[in-house]
Amino acid sequence: MAKRKRLNPTVMTSSPGADPAVLASSPAMGVPVGARAPIADVSRDATLQAAFDDVSQELRTAREDGRMVIVLPLDAIDVSHLVRDRVTLDADDMEELSKSITARGQQTPIEVVDLGNGRYGLISGWRRVSVLRTLFDQTGDPSFATAKALLRAPDGQADAYRAMVEENEIRASLSFYERARIAVKAKEQGAFETLHEAVQNLFAAARAPKRSKIMAFTGLVQHLDEDLKFPAAVPEKLGLALVAALQADAKVYDRLQKALIAAGPRTAEEERAVLDEMLRESASKSSARKPKARVPKPSAAKEISPGLLLETAKGRITLSGPGVDAAFQKKLKAWLAQE
């Protein structure tokens, strides 16, 4: 039997000017190792590339769908993208928020829309952005120079305004004036065709009586938005009374505007005193103009049958007495129906 020849691996030695990739390869079958990848390596690389593409696509989708928190420089955020619904900032609330962000950082992301060219329009989170900017100005700490955000893609201005209102309704209650004002401003911006549509859409989750009051306050916003210094402090009852006065007498607005200018209120309490006084004057003048109702003098009651008394006056007939029982009332209604 022929003796098998034993094959020994060839050991390559380096030579001056030799390619390191070739020196590190094996000349088996005349092709250096590394010049052609094995099938397993090709398959592995293709699988890794596919997995990388899937992850990249998922990250892009998550970012676009608002499921991934992104970090944005404060300078890239346009807070004037929408007219804000909050007229004033409560000092105590802002101090609490500032302490929370200082101690734990920003816990809740803001919501933004991509405006392109590295700019983002703020939808919700105005207070958080305001606090972050203040803290950065005060401390220079770079951790306050950015904001965590969720990217949104609202379907037009109306959807963006709804998102802002819903976020504030959940986190911090607005005054009736502020609610009405954002409805007026959203309509002015073209997000809605009518004020009624704006109120119905922006506050769709509110009960009908609440929406009715917001709608009433829009009249106050339209008349006095430029004149009131502390509109958010106008309570519900006073605001509704002012709306009723303005609707009853168009001259009330001129008198109220002059009174506010003359008083120059420096606090919400001083401004409210002016409004209260104007309401009293308006009610007094309205009462003076209203003619006194003439109460008809009734005639003496006469008994027209046992237990049945008849009393007459101009435009009125009254039946009374023990005879006016359920059976009598039923018969009377049937008789009147026939007539």
Foldseek 3Di string as FASTA:
>chain_A
DDDDDDDDFDQDDDDPPDDVQQNPFGCVVHDTPPPDDDPVVVVVVVVVVVVVVVVVVVVVVCQAAQNDKDKAFLVQEDAVPADALAPDDDPVVLVVLLVCCVVPNDDDAFEWEDPDPSHTYGLADPSVSVSLVVVCVVPVPVSSRITIYTYYDAPDPLRSLLVHLVVCVVPPNFALLSLLVSLVRCCVVVVDVDSLVSLCSSPVVDDPVSSVLSSLSVQVCVLDVVQDPPVRPQHSVLSNLVSVLCVVDVCLSVVLSVLSVVQVDPDPVSNVVSSVVSSVVSVVVVVVPDDDDDDWDKDDWDDPDVQWTWIDTVPDIDIDGPVPDPVVVVVVVVVVVVD
